[in-house]
Amino acid sequence: FKSAVYLQMDSLKPEDTATYYCNIKLGITD
């Protein structure tokens, strides 16, 4: 309904440090 996707991240670790990117696949195109 909100056209939204979420990522709940718990118990985070230092190795989770990164830039996080949202992705959508339309056909064969990212």
Full PDB file with SEQRES, HELIX, SHEET, SSBOND, CRYST1, ORIGX, SCALE, CONECT and MASTER records, all heavy atoms in Angstrom:
SEQRES   1 A   30  PHE LYS SER ALA VAL TYR LEU GLN MET ASP SER LEU LYS          
SEQRES   2 A   30  PRO GLU ASP THR ALA THR TYR TYR CYS ASN ILE LYS LEU          
SEQRES   3 A   30  GLY ILE THR ASP                                              
HELIX    1 AA1 PRO A   14  ASP A   16  5                                   3    
CRYST1    1.000    1.000    1.000  90.00  90.00  90.00 P 1           1          
ORIGX1      1.000000  0.000000  0.000000        0.00000                         
ORIGX2      0.000000  1.000000  0.000000        0.00000                         
ORIGX3      0.000000  0.000000  1.000000        0.00000                         
SCALE1      1.000000  0.000000  0.000000        0.00000                         
SCALE2      0.000000  1.000000  0.000000        0.00000                         
SCALE3      0.000000  0.000000  1.000000        0.00000                         
ATOM      1  N   PHE A   1       0.828  -1.209   0.000  1.00  0.00           N  
ATOM      2  CA  PHE A   1       0.000   0.000   0.000  1.00  0.00           C  
ATOM      3  C   PHE A   1       0.863   1.261   0.000  1.00  0.00           C  
ATOM      4  O   PHE A   1       0.495   2.278  -0.567  1.00  0.00           O  
ATOM      5  CB  PHE A   1      -0.950   0.002   1.193  1.00  0.00           C  
ATOM      6  CG  PHE A   1      -2.032  -1.025   1.103  1.00  0.00           C  
ATOM      7  CD1 PHE A   1      -1.955  -2.196   1.844  1.00  0.00           C  
ATOM      8  CD2 PHE A   1      -3.115  -0.852   0.262  1.00  0.00           C  
ATOM      9  CE1 PHE A   1      -2.936  -3.161   1.744  1.00  0.00           C  
ATOM     10  CE2 PHE A   1      -4.109  -1.807   0.161  1.00  0.00           C  
ATOM     11  CZ  PHE A   1      -4.021  -2.958   0.898  1.00  0.00           C  
ATOM     12  N   LYS A   2       2.012   1.170   0.649  1.00  0.00           N  
ATOM     13  CA  LYS A   2       2.919   2.311   0.714  1.00  0.00           C  
ATOM     14  C   LYS A   2       4.023   2.240  -0.336  1.00  0.00           C  
ATOM     15  O   LYS A   2       4.855   3.137  -0.408  1.00  0.00           O  
ATOM     16  CB  LYS A   2       3.553   2.402   2.102  1.00  0.00           C  
ATOM     17  CG  LYS A   2       2.559   2.674   3.218  1.00  0.00           C  
ATOM     18  CD  LYS A   2       3.274   2.796   4.553  1.00  0.00           C  
ATOM     19  CE  LYS A   2       2.279   3.104   5.664  1.00  0.00           C  
ATOM     20  NZ  LYS A   2       2.948   3.220   6.992  1.00  0.00           N  
ATOM     21  N   SER A   3       4.024   1.168  -1.111  1.00  0.00           N  
ATOM     22  CA  SER A   3       5.088   0.959  -2.116  1.00  0.00           C  
ATOM     23  C   SER A   3       6.456   1.080  -1.459  1.00  0.00           C  
ATOM     24  O   SER A   3       7.354   1.803  -1.950  1.00  0.00           O  
ATOM     25  CB  SER A   3       4.949   1.980  -3.262  1.00  0.00           C  
ATOM     26  OG  SER A   3       3.722   1.806  -3.925  1.00  0.00           O  
ATOM     27  N   ALA A   4       6.611   0.379  -0.363  1.00  0.00           N  
ATOM     28  CA  ALA A   4       7.839   0.467   0.417  1.00  0.00           C  
ATOM     29  C   ALA A   4       8.361  -0.915   0.773  1.00  0.00           C  
ATOM     30  O   ALA A   4       7.593  -1.857   0.956  1.00  0.00           O  
ATOM     31  CB  ALA A   4       7.589   1.262   1.701  1.00  0.00           C  
ATOM     32  N   VAL A   5       9.659  -1.005   0.866  1.00  0.00           N  
ATOM     33  CA  VAL A   5      10.316  -2.213   1.337  1.00  0.00           C  
ATOM     34  C   VAL A   5      11.206  -1.822   2.511  1.00  0.00           C  
ATOM     35  O   VAL A   5      11.792  -0.737   2.523  1.00  0.00           O  
ATOM     36  CB  VAL A   5      11.119  -2.902   0.211  1.00  0.00           C  
ATOM     37  CG1 VAL A   5      12.227  -2.015  -0.317  1.00  0.00           C  
ATOM     38  CG2 VAL A   5      11.668  -4.234   0.680  1.00  0.00           C  
ATOM     39  N   TYR A   6      11.265  -2.708   3.488  1.00  0.00           N  
ATOM     40  CA  TYR A   6      11.983  -2.416   4.720  1.00  0.00           C  
ATOM     41  C   TYR A   6      13.032  -3.495   4.994  1.00  0.00           C  
ATOM     42  O   TYR A   6      12.871  -4.648   4.590  1.00  0.00           O  
ATOM     43  CB  TYR A   6      11.022  -2.345   5.901  1.00  0.00           C  
ATOM     44  CG  TYR A   6       9.877  -1.392   5.695  1.00  0.00           C  
ATOM     45  CD1 TYR A   6       8.619  -1.857   5.342  1.00  0.00           C  
ATOM     46  CD2 TYR A   6      10.050  -0.018   5.828  1.00  0.00           C  
ATOM     47  CE1 TYR A   6       7.558  -0.992   5.135  1.00  0.00           C  
ATOM     48  CE2 TYR A   6       8.999   0.857   5.629  1.00  0.00           C  
ATOM     49  CZ  TYR A   6       7.764   0.370   5.274  1.00  0.00           C  
ATOM     50  OH  TYR A   6       6.716   1.235   5.070  1.00  0.00           O  
ATOM     51  N   LEU A   7      14.065  -3.091   5.703  1.00  0.00           N  
ATOM     52  CA  LEU A   7      15.053  -4.040   6.180  1.00  0.00           C  
ATOM     53  C   LEU A   7      15.261  -3.773   7.664  1.00  0.00           C  
ATOM     54  O   LEU A   7      15.862  -2.760   8.044  1.00  0.00           O  
ATOM     55  CB  LEU A   7      16.378  -3.916   5.424  1.00  0.00           C  
ATOM     56  CG  LEU A   7      17.434  -4.950   5.800  1.00  0.00           C  
ATOM     57  CD1 LEU A   7      16.992  -6.351   5.326  1.00  0.00           C  
ATOM     58  CD2 LEU A   7      18.789  -4.609   5.187  1.00  0.00           C  
ATOM     59  N   GLN A   8      14.741  -4.653   8.494  1.00  0.00           N  
ATOM     60  CA  GLN A   8      14.953  -4.566   9.932  1.00  0.00           C  
ATOM     61  C   GLN A   8      16.245  -5.294  10.260  1.00  0.00           C  
ATOM     62  O   GLN A   8      16.383  -6.480   9.959  1.00  0.00           O  
ATOM     63  CB  GLN A   8      13.785  -5.203  10.684  1.00  0.00           C  
ATOM     64  CG  GLN A   8      13.950  -5.212  12.194  1.00  0.00           C  
ATOM     65  CD  GLN A   8      13.945  -3.817  12.789  1.00  0.00           C  
ATOM     66  OE1 GLN A   8      13.153  -2.967  12.374  1.00  0.00           O  
ATOM     67  NE2 GLN A   8      14.828  -3.574  13.742  1.00  0.00           N  
ATOM     68  N   MET A   9      17.172  -4.571  10.854  1.00  0.00           N  
ATOM     69  CA  MET A   9      18.484  -5.133  11.151  1.00  0.00           C  
ATOM     70  C   MET A   9      18.694  -5.134  12.663  1.00  0.00           C  
ATOM     71  O   MET A   9      18.734  -4.074  13.290  1.00  0.00           O  
ATOM     72  CB  MET A   9      19.579  -4.303  10.467  1.00  0.00           C  
ATOM     73  CG  MET A   9      19.383  -4.153   8.955  1.00  0.00           C  
ATOM     74  SD  MET A   9      20.749  -3.317   8.146  1.00  0.00           S  
ATOM     75  CE  MET A   9      20.602  -1.682   8.848  1.00  0.00           C  
ATOM     76  N   ASP A  10      18.788  -6.307  13.227  1.00  0.00           N  
ATOM     77  CA  ASP A  10      19.001  -6.478  14.672  1.00  0.00           C  
ATOM     78  C   ASP A  10      20.349  -7.139  14.917  1.00  0.00           C  
ATOM     79  O   ASP A  10      20.941  -7.727  14.018  1.00  0.00           O  
ATOM     80  CB  ASP A  10      17.875  -7.318  15.266  1.00  0.00           C  
ATOM     81  CG  ASP A  10      16.512  -6.681  15.107  1.00  0.00           C  
ATOM     82  OD1 ASP A  10      16.406  -5.446  15.262  1.00  0.00           O  
ATOM     83  OD2 ASP A  10      15.544  -7.421  14.830  1.00  0.00           O  
ATOM     84  N   SER A  11      20.795  -7.053  16.158  1.00  0.00           N  
ATOM     85  CA  SER A  11      22.073  -7.669  16.552  1.00  0.00           C  
ATOM     86  C   SER A  11      23.178  -7.283  15.579  1.00  0.00           C  
ATOM     87  O   SER A  11      23.942  -8.143  15.107  1.00  0.00           O  
ATOM     88  CB  SER A  11      21.925  -9.190  16.626  1.00  0.00           C  
ATOM     89  OG  SER A  11      20.917  -9.561  17.533  1.00  0.00           O  
ATOM     90  N   LEU A  12      23.252  -6.021  15.284  1.00  0.00           N  
ATOM     91  CA  LEU A  12      24.220  -5.558  14.296  1.00  0.00           C  
ATOM     92  C   LEU A  12      25.649  -5.775  14.766  1.00  0.00           C  
ATOM     93  O   LEU A  12      25.958  -5.684  15.955  1.00  0.00           O  
ATOM     94  CB  LEU A  12      23.985  -4.074  13.990  1.00  0.00           C  
ATOM     95  CG  LEU A  12      22.805  -3.809  13.040  1.00  0.00           C  
ATOM     96  CD1 LEU A  12      22.319  -2.379  13.147  1.00  0.00           C  
ATOM     97  CD2 LEU A  12      23.207  -4.135  11.613  1.00  0.00           C  
ATOM     98  N   LYS A  13      26.500  -6.074  13.789  1.00  0.00           N  
ATOM     99  CA  LYS A  13      27.909  -6.333  14.040  1.00  0.00           C  
ATOM    100  C   LYS A  13      28.755  -5.302  13.269  1.00  0.00           C  
ATOM    101  O   LYS A  13      28.304  -4.779  12.244  1.00  0.00           O  
ATOM    102  CB  LYS A  13      28.268  -7.737  13.561  1.00  0.00           C  
ATOM    103  CG  LYS A  13      27.447  -8.848  14.171  1.00  0.00           C  
ATOM    104  CD  LYS A  13      27.812 -10.191  13.549  1.00  0.00           C  
ATOM    105  CE  LYS A  13      26.987 -11.318  14.130  1.00  0.00           C  
ATOM    106  NZ  LYS A  13      27.329 -12.634  13.525  1.00  0.00           N  
ATOM    107  N   PRO A  14      29.967  -5.059  13.709  1.00  0.00           N  
ATOM    108  CA  PRO A  14      30.833  -4.136  12.957  1.00  0.00           C  
ATOM    109  C   PRO A  14      30.992  -4.521  11.492  1.00  0.00           C  
ATOM    110  O   PRO A  14      31.092  -3.645  10.625  1.00  0.00           O  
ATOM    111  CB  PRO A  14      32.160  -4.219  13.720  1.00  0.00           C  
ATOM    112  CG  PRO A  14      31.758  -4.542  15.120  1.00  0.00           C  
ATOM    113  CD  PRO A  14      30.580  -5.472  14.977  1.00  0.00           C  
ATOM    114  N   GLU A  15      30.978  -5.817  11.208  1.00  0.00           N  
ATOM    115  CA  GLU A  15      31.123  -6.251   9.813  1.00  0.00           C  
ATOM    116  C   GLU A  15      29.892  -5.976   8.963  1.00  0.00           C  
ATOM    117  O   GLU A  15      29.923  -6.177   7.748  1.00  0.00           O  
ATOM    118  CB  GLU A  15      31.483  -7.740   9.741  1.00  0.00           C  
ATOM    119  CG  GLU A  15      30.589  -8.660  10.543  1.00  0.00           C  
ATOM    120  CD  GLU A  15      31.177  -8.994  11.901  1.00  0.00           C  
ATOM    121  OE1 GLU A  15      31.685  -8.069  12.588  1.00  0.00           O  
ATOM    122  OE2 GLU A  15      31.088 -10.179  12.287  1.00  0.00           O  
ATOM    123  N   ASP A  16      28.812  -5.504   9.572  1.00  0.00           N  
ATOM    124  CA  ASP A  16      27.641  -5.072   8.801  1.00  0.00           C  
ATOM    125  C   ASP A  16      27.808  -3.652   8.275  1.00  0.00           C  
ATOM    126  O   ASP A  16      26.964  -3.169   7.509  1.00  0.00           O  
ATOM    127  CB  ASP A  16      26.377  -5.145   9.663  1.00  0.00           C  
ATOM    128  CG  ASP A  16      26.016  -6.549  10.059  1.00  0.00           C  
ATOM    129  OD1 ASP A  16      26.112  -7.461   9.208  1.00  0.00           O  
ATOM    130  OD2 ASP A  16      25.633  -6.758  11.233  1.00  0.00           O  
ATOM    131  N   THR A  17      28.862  -2.982   8.702  1.00  0.00           N  
ATOM    132  CA  THR A  17      29.120  -1.624   8.228  1.00  0.00           C  
ATOM    133  C   THR A  17      29.274  -1.620   6.711  1.00  0.00           C  
ATOM    134  O   THR A  17      30.088  -2.363   6.160  1.00  0.00           O  
ATOM    135  CB  THR A  17      30.387  -1.064   8.879  1.00  0.00           C  
ATOM    136  OG1 THR A  17      30.163  -0.925  10.281  1.00  0.00           O  
ATOM    137  CG2 THR A  17      30.748   0.288   8.291  1.00  0.00           C  
ATOM    138  N   ALA A  18      28.465  -0.804   6.044  1.00  0.00           N  
ATOM    139  CA  ALA A  18      28.464  -0.746   4.585  1.00  0.00           C  
ATOM    140  C   ALA A  18      27.477   0.325   4.129  1.00  0.00           C  
ATOM    141  O   ALA A  18      26.688   0.835   4.925  1.00  0.00           O  
ATOM    142  CB  ALA A  18      28.059  -2.093   3.988  1.00  0.00           C  
ATOM    143  N   THR A  19      27.515   0.601   2.845  1.00  0.00           N  
ATOM    144  CA  THR A  19      26.440   1.368   2.235  1.00  0.00           C  
ATOM    145  C   THR A  19      25.409   0.372   1.719  1.00  0.00           C  
ATOM    146  O   THR A  19      25.757  -0.558   0.988  1.00  0.00           O  
ATOM    147  CB  THR A  19      26.964   2.247   1.084  1.00  0.00           C  
ATOM    148  OG1 THR A  19      27.917   3.177   1.602  1.00  0.00           O  
ATOM    149  CG2 THR A  19      25.821   3.022   0.441  1.00  0.00           C  
ATOM    150  N   TYR A  20      24.173   0.582   2.107  1.00  0.00           N  
ATOM    151  CA  TYR A  20      23.090  -0.323   1.752  1.00  0.00           C  
ATOM    152  C   TYR A  20      22.273   0.288   0.623  1.00  0.00           C  
ATOM    153  O   TYR A  20      21.884   1.462   0.682  1.00  0.00           O  
ATOM    154  CB  TYR A  20      22.214  -0.590   2.970  1.00  0.00           C  
ATOM    155  CG  TYR A  20      22.862  -1.528   3.955  1.00  0.00           C  
ATOM    156  CD1 TYR A  20      23.965  -1.127   4.711  1.00  0.00           C  
ATOM    157  CD2 TYR A  20      22.402  -2.837   4.115  1.00  0.00           C  
ATOM    158  CE1 TYR A  20      24.585  -1.991   5.590  1.00  0.00           C  
ATOM    159  CE2 TYR A  20      23.005  -3.710   5.007  1.00  0.00           C  
ATOM    160  CZ  TYR A  20      24.101  -3.276   5.734  1.00  0.00           C  
ATOM    161  OH  TYR A  20      24.715  -4.146   6.616  1.00  0.00           O  
ATOM    162  N   TYR A  21      22.019  -0.532  -0.381  1.00  0.00           N  
ATOM    163  CA  TYR A  21      21.315  -0.089  -1.577  1.00  0.00           C  
ATOM    164  C   TYR A  21      20.010  -0.857  -1.757  1.00  0.00           C  
ATOM    165  O   TYR A  21      19.977  -2.087  -1.642  1.00  0.00           O  
ATOM    166  CB  TYR A  21      22.175  -0.311  -2.817  1.00  0.00           C  
ATOM    167  CG  TYR A  21      23.439   0.504  -2.850  1.00  0.00           C  
ATOM    168  CD1 TYR A  21      24.623   0.013  -2.316  1.00  0.00           C  
ATOM    169  CD2 TYR A  21      23.457   1.775  -3.427  1.00  0.00           C  
ATOM    170  CE1 TYR A  21      25.795   0.753  -2.346  1.00  0.00           C  
ATOM    171  CE2 TYR A  21      24.625   2.526  -3.466  1.00  0.00           C  
ATOM    172  CZ  TYR A  21      25.779   2.010  -2.913  1.00  0.00           C  
ATOM    173  OH  TYR A  21      26.936   2.745  -2.951  1.00  0.00           O  
ATOM    174  N   CYS A  22      18.983  -0.123  -2.090  1.00  0.00           N  
ATOM    175  CA  CYS A  22      17.706  -0.716  -2.454  1.00  0.00           C  
ATOM    176  C   CYS A  22      17.729  -1.074  -3.931  1.00  0.00           C  
ATOM    177  O   CYS A  22      18.318  -0.342  -4.748  1.00  0.00           O  
ATOM    178  CB  CYS A  22      16.599   0.293  -2.159  1.00  0.00           C  
ATOM    179  SG  CYS A  22      14.932  -0.282  -2.493  1.00  0.00           S  
ATOM    180  N   ASN A  23      17.099  -2.177  -4.267  1.00  0.00           N  
ATOM    181  CA  ASN A  23      17.115  -2.665  -5.649  1.00  0.00           C  
ATOM    182  C   ASN A  23      15.720  -3.090  -6.082  1.00  0.00           C  
ATOM    183  O   ASN A  23      14.966  -3.666  -5.301  1.00  0.00           O  
ATOM    184  CB  ASN A  23      18.070  -3.849  -5.746  1.00  0.00           C  
ATOM    185  CG  ASN A  23      17.940  -4.620  -7.039  1.00  0.00           C  
ATOM    186  OD1 ASN A  23      17.148  -5.556  -7.170  1.00  0.00           O  
ATOM    187  ND2 ASN A  23      18.721  -4.223  -8.024  1.00  0.00           N  
ATOM    188  N   ILE A  24      15.413  -2.819  -7.337  1.00  0.00           N  
ATOM    189  CA  ILE A  24      14.205  -3.352  -7.955  1.00  0.00           C  
ATOM    190  C   ILE A  24      14.583  -3.911  -9.323  1.00  0.00           C  
ATOM    191  O   ILE A  24      15.413  -3.324 -10.037  1.00  0.00           O  
ATOM    192  CB  ILE A  24      13.091  -2.284  -8.085  1.00  0.00           C  
ATOM    193  CG1 ILE A  24      11.804  -2.920  -8.609  1.00  0.00           C  
ATOM    194  CG2 ILE A  24      13.534  -1.123  -8.965  1.00  0.00           C  
ATOM    195  CD1 ILE A  24      10.596  -1.982  -8.538  1.00  0.00           C  
ATOM    196  N   LYS A  25      14.009  -5.059  -9.627  1.00  0.00           N  
ATOM    197  CA  LYS A  25      14.251  -5.671 -10.925  1.00  0.00           C  
ATOM    198  C   LYS A  25      13.023  -5.478 -11.808  1.00  0.00           C  
ATOM    199  O   LYS A  25      11.939  -5.927 -11.460  1.00  0.00           O  
ATOM    200  CB  LYS A  25      14.533  -7.165 -10.763  1.00  0.00           C  
ATOM    201  CG  LYS A  25      15.793  -7.463  -9.988  1.00  0.00           C  
ATOM    202  CD  LYS A  25      16.057  -8.957  -9.933  1.00  0.00           C  
ATOM    203  CE  LYS A  25      17.258  -9.279  -9.068  1.00  0.00           C  
ATOM    204  NZ  LYS A  25      18.510  -8.706  -9.593  1.00  0.00           N  
ATOM    205  N   LEU A  26      13.198  -4.812 -12.915  1.00  0.00           N  
ATOM    206  CA  LEU A  26      12.134  -4.645 -13.894  1.00  0.00           C  
ATOM    207  C   LEU A  26      12.554  -5.408 -15.139  1.00  0.00           C  
ATOM    208  O   LEU A  26      13.419  -4.956 -15.897  1.00  0.00           O  
ATOM    209  CB  LEU A  26      11.914  -3.159 -14.203  1.00  0.00           C  
ATOM    210  CG  LEU A  26      11.537  -2.275 -13.008  1.00  0.00           C  
ATOM    211  CD1 LEU A  26      11.319  -0.835 -13.452  1.00  0.00           C  
ATOM    212  CD2 LEU A  26      10.300  -2.811 -12.311  1.00  0.00           C  
ATOM    213  N   GLY A  27      11.977  -6.580 -15.308  1.00  0.00           N  
ATOM    214  CA  GLY A  27      12.421  -7.435 -16.397  1.00  0.00           C  
ATOM    215  C   GLY A  27      13.828  -7.923 -16.122  1.00  0.00           C  
ATOM    216  O   GLY A  27      14.094  -8.542 -15.100  1.00  0.00           O  
ATOM    217  N   ILE A  28      14.742  -7.612 -17.023  1.00  0.00           N  
ATOM    218  CA  ILE A  28      16.132  -8.023 -16.840  1.00  0.00           C  
ATOM    219  C   ILE A  28      16.999  -6.871 -16.357  1.00  0.00           C  
ATOM    220  O   ILE A  28      18.217  -7.015 -16.238  1.00  0.00           O  
ATOM    221  CB  ILE A  28      16.712  -8.591 -18.147  1.00  0.00           C  
ATOM    222  CG1 ILE A  28      16.694  -7.514 -19.254  1.00  0.00           C  
ATOM    223  CG2 ILE A  28      15.952  -9.828 -18.582  1.00  0.00           C  
ATOM    224  CD1 ILE A  28      17.444  -7.940 -20.503  1.00  0.00           C  
ATOM    225  N   THR A  29      16.396  -5.757 -16.044  1.00  0.00           N  
ATOM    226  CA  THR A  29      17.140  -4.554 -15.667  1.00  0.00           C  
ATOM    227  C   THR A  29      17.052  -4.303 -14.176  1.00  0.00           C  
ATOM    228  O   THR A  29      15.975  -4.341 -13.594  1.00  0.00           O  
ATOM    229  CB  THR A  29      16.611  -3.328 -16.426  1.00  0.00           C  
ATOM    230  OG1 THR A  29      16.685  -3.583 -17.835  1.00  0.00           O  
ATOM    231  CG2 THR A  29      17.443  -2.097 -16.096  1.00  0.00           C  
ATOM    232  N   ASP A  30      18.220  -4.039 -13.589  1.00  0.00           N  
ATOM    233  CA  ASP A  30      18.299  -3.672 -12.182  1.00  0.00           C  
ATOM    234  C   ASP A  30      18.342  -2.154 -12.041  1.00  0.00           C  
ATOM    235  O   ASP A  30      19.073  -1.481 -12.780  1.00  0.00           O  
ATOM    236  CB  ASP A  30      19.559  -4.253 -11.541  1.00  0.00           C  
ATOM    237  CG  ASP A  30      19.439  -5.729 -11.263  1.00  0.00           C  
ATOM    238  OD1 ASP A  30      18.558  -6.099 -10.465  1.00  0.00           O  
ATOM    239  OD2 ASP A  30      20.213  -6.505 -11.844  1.00  0.00           O  
TER     240      ASP A  30                                                      
MASTER        0    0    0    1    0    0    0    6  239    1    0    3          
END                                                                             
